[in-house]
Amino acid sequence: MWGKNFPFTFDNKRLCIKSGEFQKKSLGDLFTRCSNDPYFLKNLKIEYDLENGFKNYHGEEALSHYHEAAYDAHMTAFVFAHVVKLKMG
C-alpha cells in the first residue's frame, strides 16, 4: 500500500548535489541561495497567510526560524521547487 500512495521519494540534498548548481549543501544555505535567485522568483509565486499567524515566515523575520518544523518543511519545499525548475528549464 505504501508504494502505491507514495511511489517516489526525493532527497533534496542529493538533488542539489547532482544539479551542480550549489556549492553549500545545508538547508539554510540552499534556501538562501534559492530565495535570492531572480529567475526563480519571477517564475514562482508564493503566498503567505499573513492574517492567520504566519507573519514570522515571510520577509526579514524568516531567517530567525530555521529549525522550526513548519519552517523547515517550507524551506525544503521551496528548495525542491527551485531544483525542479532548474532541471526542467
PDB file of N, CA and C in Angstrom:
ATOM      1  N   MET A   1       0.814  -1.189   0.000  1.00  0.00           N
ATOM      2  CA  MET A   1       0.000   0.000   0.000  1.00  0.00           C
ATOM      3  C   MET A   1       0.866   1.265   0.000  1.00  0.00           C
ATOM      4  N   TRP A   2       1.932   1.292   0.767  1.00  0.00           N
ATOM      5  CA  TRP A   2       2.786   2.482   0.834  1.00  0.00           C
ATOM      6  C   TRP A   2       3.322   2.831  -0.549  1.00  0.00           C
ATOM      7  N   GLY A   3       3.784   1.856  -1.301  1.00  0.00           N
ATOM      8  CA  GLY A   3       4.344   2.085  -2.620  1.00  0.00           C
ATOM      9  C   GLY A   3       3.350   2.667  -3.608  1.00  0.00           C
ATOM     10  N   LYS A   4       2.091   2.298  -3.490  1.00  0.00           N
ATOM     11  CA  LYS A   4       1.079   2.828  -4.394  1.00  0.00           C
ATOM     12  C   LYS A   4       0.768   4.291  -4.093  1.00  0.00           C
ATOM     13  N   ASN A   5       0.712   4.642  -2.832  1.00  0.00           N
ATOM     14  CA  ASN A   5       0.362   6.005  -2.450  1.00  0.00           C
ATOM     15  C   ASN A   5       1.543   6.957  -2.562  1.00  0.00           C
ATOM     16  N   PHE A   6       2.737   6.468  -2.323  1.00  0.00           N
ATOM     17  CA  PHE A   6       3.941   7.295  -2.362  1.00  0.00           C
ATOM     18  C   PHE A   6       4.996   6.602  -3.220  1.00  0.00           C
ATOM     19  N   PRO A   7       4.829   6.623  -4.546  1.00  0.00           N
ATOM     20  CA  PRO A   7       5.723   5.847  -5.405  1.00  0.00           C
ATOM     21  C   PRO A   7       7.122   6.441  -5.563  1.00  0.00           C
ATOM     22  N   PHE A   8       7.330   7.705  -5.223  1.00  0.00           N
ATOM     23  CA  PHE A   8       8.630   8.329  -5.420  1.00  0.00           C
ATOM     24  C   PHE A   8       9.104   8.987  -4.133  1.00  0.00           C
ATOM     25  N   THR A   9      10.377   8.904  -3.900  1.00  0.00           N
ATOM     26  CA  THR A   9      10.995   9.600  -2.782  1.00  0.00           C
ATOM     27  C   THR A   9      12.099  10.469  -3.349  1.00  0.00           C
ATOM     28  N   PHE A  10      12.156  11.724  -2.935  1.00  0.00           N
ATOM     29  CA  PHE A  10      13.171  12.654  -3.401  1.00  0.00           C
ATOM     30  C   PHE A  10      13.999  13.116  -2.220  1.00  0.00           C
ATOM     31  N   ASP A  11      15.271  13.246  -2.420  1.00  0.00           N
ATOM     32  CA  ASP A  11      16.178  13.741  -1.399  1.00  0.00           C
ATOM     33  C   ASP A  11      16.719  15.084  -1.883  1.00  0.00           C
ATOM     34  N   ASN A  12      16.296  16.155  -1.241  1.00  0.00           N
ATOM     35  CA  ASN A  12      16.693  17.497  -1.676  1.00  0.00           C
ATOM     36  C   ASN A  12      18.203  17.656  -1.748  1.00  0.00           C
ATOM     37  N   LYS A  13      18.896  17.190  -0.729  1.00  0.00           N
ATOM     38  CA  LYS A  13      20.347  17.361  -0.702  1.00  0.00           C
ATOM     39  C   LYS A  13      20.985  16.657  -1.902  1.00  0.00           C
ATOM     40  N   ARG A  14      20.531  15.461  -2.179  1.00  0.00           N
ATOM     41  CA  ARG A  14      21.063  14.689  -3.317  1.00  0.00           C
ATOM     42  C   ARG A  14      20.719  15.389  -4.638  1.00  0.00           C
ATOM     43  N   LEU A  15      19.505  15.880  -4.771  1.00  0.00           N
ATOM     44  CA  LEU A  15      19.111  16.594  -5.986  1.00  0.00           C
ATOM     45  C   LEU A  15      19.984  17.830  -6.187  1.00  0.00           C
ATOM     46  N   CYS A  16      20.245  18.544  -5.110  1.00  0.00           N
ATOM     47  CA  CYS A  16      21.070  19.751  -5.198  1.00  0.00           C
ATOM     48  C   CYS A  16      22.497  19.419  -5.595  1.00  0.00           C
ATOM     49  N   ILE A  17      23.049  18.356  -5.029  1.00  0.00           N
ATOM     50  CA  ILE A  17      24.408  17.932  -5.376  1.00  0.00           C
ATOM     51  C   ILE A  17      24.466  17.552  -6.851  1.00  0.00           C
ATOM     52  N   LYS A  18      23.522  16.756  -7.286  1.00  0.00           N
ATOM     53  CA  LYS A  18      23.509  16.285  -8.680  1.00  0.00           C
ATOM     54  C   LYS A  18      23.239  17.404  -9.677  1.00  0.00           C
ATOM     55  N   SER A  19      22.576  18.462  -9.254  1.00  0.00           N
ATOM     56  CA  SER A  19      22.275  19.555 -10.179  1.00  0.00           C
ATOM     57  C   SER A  19      23.539  20.316 -10.578  1.00  0.00           C
ATOM     58  N   GLY A  20      24.545  20.302  -9.694  1.00  0.00           N
ATOM     59  CA  GLY A  20      25.777  21.027  -9.969  1.00  0.00           C
ATOM     60  C   GLY A  20      25.645  22.538  -9.805  1.00  0.00           C
ATOM     61  N   GLU A  21      24.529  22.994  -9.287  1.00  0.00           N
ATOM     62  CA  GLU A  21      24.250  24.422  -9.159  1.00  0.00           C
ATOM     63  C   GLU A  21      24.567  24.979  -7.777  1.00  0.00           C
ATOM     64  N   PHE A  22      24.841  24.125  -6.825  1.00  0.00           N
ATOM     65  CA  PHE A  22      25.001  24.563  -5.440  1.00  0.00           C
ATOM     66  C   PHE A  22      26.362  24.151  -4.898  1.00  0.00           C
ATOM     67  N   GLN A  23      26.992  25.042  -4.159  1.00  0.00           N
ATOM     68  CA  GLN A  23      28.268  24.722  -3.525  1.00  0.00           C
ATOM     69  C   GLN A  23      28.069  24.334  -2.070  1.00  0.00           C
ATOM     70  N   LYS A  24      27.188  25.035  -1.374  1.00  0.00           N
ATOM     71  CA  LYS A  24      26.887  24.713   0.018  1.00  0.00           C
ATOM     72  C   LYS A  24      25.650  23.841   0.047  1.00  0.00           C
ATOM     73  N   LYS A  25      25.589  22.937   1.007  1.00  0.00           N
ATOM     74  CA  LYS A  25      24.515  21.947   0.990  1.00  0.00           C
ATOM     75  C   LYS A  25      23.585  21.976   2.197  1.00  0.00           C
ATOM     76  N   SER A  26      23.798  22.859   3.167  1.00  0.00           N
ATOM     77  CA  SER A  26      22.875  22.885   4.311  1.00  0.00           C
ATOM     78  C   SER A  26      21.547  23.480   3.859  1.00  0.00           C
ATOM     79  N   LEU A  27      20.473  23.090   4.531  1.00  0.00           N
ATOM     80  CA  LEU A  27      19.146  23.568   4.144  1.00  0.00           C
ATOM     81  C   LEU A  27      19.077  25.088   4.175  1.00  0.00           C
ATOM     82  N   GLY A  28      19.634  25.701   5.204  1.00  0.00           N
ATOM     83  CA  GLY A  28      19.620  27.157   5.294  1.00  0.00           C
ATOM     84  C   GLY A  28      20.349  27.813   4.140  1.00  0.00           C
ATOM     85  N   ASP A  29      21.518  27.281   3.770  1.00  0.00           N
ATOM     86  CA  ASP A  29      22.277  27.835   2.644  1.00  0.00           C
ATOM     87  C   ASP A  29      21.551  27.640   1.325  1.00  0.00           C
ATOM     88  N   LEU A  30      20.968  26.465   1.144  1.00  0.00           N
ATOM     89  CA  LEU A  30      20.216  26.195  -0.087  1.00  0.00           C
ATOM     90  C   LEU A  30      19.018  27.133  -0.199  1.00  0.00           C
ATOM     91  N   PHE A  31      18.310  27.304   0.908  1.00  0.00           N
ATOM     92  CA  PHE A  31      17.139  28.175   0.907  1.00  0.00           C
ATOM     93  C   PHE A  31      17.532  29.624   0.605  1.00  0.00           C
ATOM     94  N   THR A  32      18.606  30.082   1.209  1.00  0.00           N
ATOM     95  CA  THR A  32      19.065  31.458   0.970  1.00  0.00           C
ATOM     96  C   THR A  32      19.426  31.647  -0.491  1.00  0.00           C
ATOM     97  N   ARG A  33      20.124  30.685  -1.071  1.00  0.00           N
ATOM     98  CA  ARG A  33      20.506  30.777  -2.488  1.00  0.00           C
ATOM     99  C   ARG A  33      19.273  30.829  -3.377  1.00  0.00           C
ATOM    100  N   CYS A  34      18.316  29.964  -3.102  1.00  0.00           N
ATOM    101  CA  CYS A  34      17.088  29.935  -3.907  1.00  0.00           C
ATOM    102  C   CYS A  34      16.269  31.211  -3.714  1.00  0.00           C
ATOM    103  N   SER A  35      16.267  31.730  -2.514  1.00  0.00           N
ATOM    104  CA  SER A  35      15.496  32.936  -2.206  1.00  0.00           C
ATOM    105  C   SER A  35      16.050  34.176  -2.891  1.00  0.00           C
ATOM    106  N   ASN A  36      17.293  34.110  -3.318  1.00  0.00           N
ATOM    107  CA  ASN A  36      17.934  35.268  -3.948  1.00  0.00           C
ATOM    108  C   ASN A  36      18.121  35.103  -5.451  1.00  0.00           C
ATOM    109  N   ASP A  37      17.497  34.106  -6.027  1.00  0.00           N
ATOM    110  CA  ASP A  37      17.624  33.849  -7.462  1.00  0.00           C
ATOM    111  C   ASP A  37      16.485  34.557  -8.206  1.00  0.00           C
ATOM    112  N   PRO A  38      16.772  35.676  -8.888  1.00  0.00           N
ATOM    113  CA  PRO A  38      15.700  36.445  -9.532  1.00  0.00           C
ATOM    114  C   PRO A  38      14.951  35.657 -10.601  1.00  0.00           C
ATOM    115  N   TYR A  39      15.626  34.777 -11.341  1.00  0.00           N
ATOM    116  CA  TYR A  39      14.949  33.979 -12.373  1.00  0.00           C
ATOM    117  C   TYR A  39      13.898  33.081 -11.742  1.00  0.00           C
ATOM    118  N   PHE A  40      14.291  32.445 -10.669  1.00  0.00           N
ATOM    119  CA  PHE A  40      13.371  31.544  -9.984  1.00  0.00           C
ATOM    120  C   PHE A  40      12.199  32.312  -9.384  1.00  0.00           C
ATOM    121  N   LEU A  41      12.506  33.403  -8.718  1.00  0.00           N
ATOM    122  CA  LEU A  41      11.468  34.144  -8.011  1.00  0.00           C
ATOM    123  C   LEU A  41      10.442  34.769  -8.946  1.00  0.00           C
ATOM    124  N   LYS A  42      10.865  35.176 -10.140  1.00  0.00           N
ATOM    125  CA  LYS A  42       9.887  35.779 -11.052  1.00  0.00           C
ATOM    126  C   LYS A  42       8.956  34.738 -11.657  1.00  0.00           C
ATOM    127  N   ASN A  43       9.334  33.471 -11.576  1.00  0.00           N
ATOM    128  CA  ASN A  43       8.531  32.408 -12.161  1.00  0.00           C
ATOM    129  C   ASN A  43       7.805  31.544 -11.130  1.00  0.00           C
ATOM    130  N   LEU A  44       7.890  31.931  -9.873  1.00  0.00           N
ATOM    131  CA  LEU A  44       7.211  31.176  -8.831  1.00  0.00           C
ATOM    132  C   LEU A  44       6.574  32.155  -7.862  1.00  0.00           C
ATOM    133  N   LYS A  45       5.313  31.983  -7.620  1.00  0.00           N
ATOM    134  CA  LYS A  45       4.622  32.875  -6.696  1.00  0.00           C
ATOM    135  C   LYS A  45       4.271  32.091  -5.432  1.00  0.00           C
ATOM    136  N   ILE A  46       4.721  32.609  -4.311  1.00  0.00           N
ATOM    137  CA  ILE A  46       4.410  32.001  -3.023  1.00  0.00           C
ATOM    138  C   ILE A  46       3.633  33.025  -2.210  1.00  0.00           C
ATOM    139  N   GLU A  47       2.495  32.599  -1.708  1.00  0.00           N
ATOM    140  CA  GLU A  47       1.683  33.480  -0.889  1.00  0.00           C
ATOM    141  C   GLU A  47       1.709  32.975   0.545  1.00  0.00           C
ATOM    142  N   TYR A  48       1.811  33.905   1.471  1.00  0.00           N
ATOM    143  CA  TYR A  48       1.840  33.583   2.889  1.00  0.00           C
ATOM    144  C   TYR A  48       0.529  34.027   3.526  1.00  0.00           C
ATOM    145  N   ASP A  49       0.021  33.214   4.415  1.00  0.00           N
ATOM    146  CA  ASP A  49      -1.212  33.536   5.120  1.00  0.00           C
ATOM    147  C   ASP A  49      -0.870  34.452   6.289  1.00  0.00           C
ATOM    148  N   LEU A  50      -0.697  35.733   5.990  1.00  0.00           N
ATOM    149  CA  LEU A  50      -0.255  36.705   6.986  1.00  0.00           C
ATOM    150  C   LEU A  50      -1.322  37.020   8.028  1.00  0.00           C
ATOM    151  N   GLU A  51      -2.580  36.792   7.686  1.00  0.00           N
ATOM    152  CA  GLU A  51      -3.669  37.130   8.601  1.00  0.00           C
ATOM    153  C   GLU A  51      -3.893  36.068   9.675  1.00  0.00           C
ATOM    154  N   ASN A  52      -3.370  34.865   9.473  1.00  0.00           N
ATOM    155  CA  ASN A  52      -3.630  33.776  10.420  1.00  0.00           C
ATOM    156  C   ASN A  52      -2.369  33.305  11.144  1.00  0.00           C
ATOM    157  N   GLY A  53      -1.496  34.229  11.439  1.00  0.00           N
ATOM    158  CA  GLY A  53      -0.370  33.911  12.307  1.00  0.00           C
ATOM    159  C   GLY A  53       0.904  33.456  11.629  1.00  0.00           C
ATOM    160  N   PHE A  54       1.037  33.624  10.333  1.00  0.00           N
ATOM    161  CA  PHE A  54       2.238  33.171   9.645  1.00  0.00           C
ATOM    162  C   PHE A  54       3.120  34.340   9.214  1.00  0.00           C
ATOM    163  N   LYS A  55       3.061  35.418   9.931  1.00  0.00           N
ATOM    164  CA  LYS A  55       3.856  36.603   9.604  1.00  0.00           C
ATOM    165  C   LYS A  55       5.345  36.363   9.787  1.00  0.00           C
ATOM    166  N   ASN A  56       5.709  35.506  10.717  1.00  0.00           N
ATOM    167  CA  ASN A  56       7.118  35.275  11.015  1.00  0.00           C
ATOM    168  C   ASN A  56       7.865  34.546   9.901  1.00  0.00           C
ATOM    169  N   TYR A  57       7.170  33.926   8.994  1.00  0.00           N
ATOM    170  CA  TYR A  57       7.822  33.140   7.957  1.00  0.00           C
ATOM    171  C   TYR A  57       7.990  33.897   6.651  1.00  0.00           C
ATOM    172  N   HIS A  58       7.790  35.179   6.692  1.00  0.00           N
ATOM    173  CA  HIS A  58       7.876  35.989   5.491  1.00  0.00           C
ATOM    174  C   HIS A  58       8.765  37.198   5.771  1.00  0.00           C
ATOM    175  N   GLY A  59       9.600  37.541   4.817  1.00  0.00           N
ATOM    176  CA  GLY A  59      10.441  38.729   4.950  1.00  0.00           C
ATOM    177  C   GLY A  59      11.657  38.513   5.834  1.00  0.00           C
ATOM    178  N   GLU A  60      12.136  39.584   6.435  1.00  0.00           N
ATOM    179  CA  GLU A  60      13.383  39.559   7.201  1.00  0.00           C
ATOM    180  C   GLU A  60      13.307  38.663   8.440  1.00  0.00           C
ATOM    181  N   GLU A  61      12.134  38.512   9.010  1.00  0.00           N
ATOM    182  CA  GLU A  61      11.989  37.679  10.208  1.00  0.00           C
ATOM    183  C   GLU A  61      12.189  36.193   9.919  1.00  0.00           C
ATOM    184  N   ALA A  62      12.058  35.801   8.679  1.00  0.00           N
ATOM    185  CA  ALA A  62      12.085  34.386   8.319  1.00  0.00           C
ATOM    186  C   ALA A  62      13.375  33.701   8.732  1.00  0.00           C
ATOM    187  N   LEU A  63      14.498  34.349   8.569  1.00  0.00           N
ATOM    188  CA  LEU A  63      15.780  33.699   8.826  1.00  0.00           C
ATOM    189  C   LEU A  63      15.966  33.294  10.280  1.00  0.00           C
ATOM    190  N   SER A  64      15.220  33.862  11.181  1.00  0.00           N
ATOM    191  CA  SER A  64      15.358  33.505  12.595  1.00  0.00           C
ATOM    192  C   SER A  64      14.556  32.258  12.951  1.00  0.00           C
ATOM    193  N   HIS A  65      13.910  31.638  11.989  1.00  0.00           N
ATOM    194  CA  HIS A  65      13.048  30.499  12.269  1.00  0.00           C
ATOM    195  C   HIS A  65      13.586  29.176  11.738  1.00  0.00           C
ATOM    196  N   TYR A  66      14.860  29.126  11.341  1.00  0.00           N
ATOM    197  CA  TYR A  66      15.444  27.842  10.939  1.00  0.00           C
ATOM    198  C   TYR A  66      15.247  26.841  12.072  1.00  0.00           C
ATOM    199  N   HIS A  67      15.007  25.646  11.715  1.00  0.00           N
ATOM    200  CA  HIS A  67      14.859  24.511  12.629  1.00  0.00           C
ATOM    201  C   HIS A  67      13.533  24.472  13.371  1.00  0.00           C
ATOM    202  N   GLU A  68      12.587  25.318  13.025  1.00  0.00           N
ATOM    203  CA  GLU A  68      11.208  25.104  13.459  1.00  0.00           C
ATOM    204  C   GLU A  68      10.618  24.152  12.432  1.00  0.00           C
ATOM    205  N   ALA A  69       9.895  23.165  12.878  1.00  0.00           N
ATOM    206  CA  ALA A  69       9.419  22.114  11.980  1.00  0.00           C
ATOM    207  C   ALA A  69       8.649  22.656  10.778  1.00  0.00           C
ATOM    208  N   ALA A  70       7.713  23.550  11.002  1.00  0.00           N
ATOM    209  CA  ALA A  70       6.916  24.076   9.891  1.00  0.00           C
ATOM    210  C   ALA A  70       7.774  24.877   8.927  1.00  0.00           C
ATOM    211  N   TYR A  71       8.722  25.635   9.454  1.00  0.00           N
ATOM    212  CA  TYR A  71       9.553  26.449   8.570  1.00  0.00           C
ATOM    213  C   TYR A  71      10.554  25.587   7.827  1.00  0.00           C
ATOM    214  N   ASP A  72      11.096  24.563   8.463  1.00  0.00           N
ATOM    215  CA  ASP A  72      11.982  23.641   7.750  1.00  0.00           C
ATOM    216  C   ASP A  72      11.238  22.949   6.611  1.00  0.00           C
ATOM    217  N   ALA A  73       9.978  22.594   6.836  1.00  0.00           N
ATOM    218  CA  ALA A  73       9.168  21.989   5.774  1.00  0.00           C
ATOM    219  C   ALA A  73       8.980  22.976   4.629  1.00  0.00           C
ATOM    220  N   HIS A  74       8.722  24.229   4.965  1.00  0.00           N
ATOM    221  CA  HIS A  74       8.575  25.277   3.949  1.00  0.00           C
ATOM    222  C   HIS A  74       9.877  25.432   3.153  1.00  0.00           C
ATOM    223  N   MET A  75      11.009  25.502   3.840  1.00  0.00           N
ATOM    224  CA  MET A  75      12.296  25.666   3.156  1.00  0.00           C
ATOM    225  C   MET A  75      12.594  24.468   2.255  1.00  0.00           C
ATOM    226  N   THR A  76      12.283  23.274   2.742  1.00  0.00           N
ATOM    227  CA  THR A  76      12.513  22.061   1.961  1.00  0.00           C
ATOM    228  C   THR A  76      11.702  22.091   0.672  1.00  0.00           C
ATOM    229  N   ALA A  77      10.427  22.454   0.772  1.00  0.00           N
ATOM    230  CA  ALA A  77       9.576  22.526  -0.418  1.00  0.00           C
ATOM    231  C   ALA A  77      10.043  23.622  -1.367  1.00  0.00           C
ATOM    232  N   PHE A  78      10.466  24.745  -0.828  1.00  0.00           N
ATOM    233  CA  PHE A  78      10.941  25.867  -1.638  1.00  0.00           C
ATOM    234  C   PHE A  78      12.188  25.464  -2.425  1.00  0.00           C
ATOM    235  N   VAL A  79      13.139  24.813  -1.763  1.00  0.00           N
ATOM    236  CA  VAL A  79      14.364  24.358  -2.431  1.00  0.00           C
ATOM    237  C   VAL A  79      14.026  23.296  -3.471  1.00  0.00           C
ATOM    238  N   PHE A  80      13.135  22.368  -3.138  1.00  0.00           N
ATOM    239  CA  PHE A  80      12.731  21.336  -4.086  1.00  0.00           C
ATOM    240  C   PHE A  80      12.146  21.965  -5.346  1.00  0.00           C
ATOM    241  N   ALA A  81      11.251  22.930  -5.187  1.00  0.00           N
ATOM    242  CA  ALA A  81      10.651  23.602  -6.345  1.00  0.00           C
ATOM    243  C   ALA A  81      11.725  24.288  -7.187  1.00  0.00           C
ATOM    244  N   HIS A  82      12.701  24.885  -6.535  1.00  0.00           N
ATOM    245  CA  HIS A  82      13.785  25.570  -7.252  1.00  0.00           C
ATOM    246  C   HIS A  82      14.611  24.579  -8.076  1.00  0.00           C
ATOM    247  N   VAL A  83      14.992  23.473  -7.475  1.00  0.00           N
ATOM    248  CA  VAL A  83      15.812  22.483  -8.182  1.00  0.00           C
ATOM    249  C   VAL A  83      15.045  21.872  -9.339  1.00  0.00           C
ATOM    250  N   VAL A  84      13.773  21.571  -9.136  1.00  0.00           N
ATOM    251  CA  VAL A  84      12.955  21.039 -10.233  1.00  0.00           C
ATOM    252  C   VAL A  84      12.864  22.067 -11.350  1.00  0.00           C
ATOM    253  N   LYS A  85      12.672  23.327 -11.000  1.00  0.00           N
ATOM    254  CA  LYS A  85      12.619  24.390 -12.009  1.00  0.00           C
ATOM    255  C   LYS A  85      13.931  24.479 -12.785  1.00  0.00           C
ATOM    256  N   LEU A  86      15.057  24.373 -12.084  1.00  0.00           N
ATOM    257  CA  LEU A  86      16.371  24.403 -12.760  1.00  0.00           C
ATOM    258  C   LEU A  86      16.496  23.256 -13.768  1.00  0.00           C
ATOM    259  N   LYS A  87      16.083  22.085 -13.362  1.00  0.00           N
ATOM    260  CA  LYS A  87      16.248  20.908 -14.207  1.00  0.00           C
ATOM    261  C   LYS A  87      15.237  20.843 -15.343  1.00  0.00           C
ATOM    262  N   MET A  88      14.051  21.405 -15.128  1.00  0.00           N
ATOM    263  CA  MET A  88      13.008  21.354 -16.158  1.00  0.00           C
ATOM    264  C   MET A  88      13.131  22.505 -17.151  1.00  0.00           C
ATOM    265  N   GLY A  89      13.871  23.541 -16.762  1.00  0.00           N
ATOM    266  CA  GLY A  89      14.068  24.663 -17.665  1.00  0.00           C
ATOM    267  C   GLY A  89      13.060  25.682 -17.456  1.00  0.00           C
TER     268      GLY A  89
END
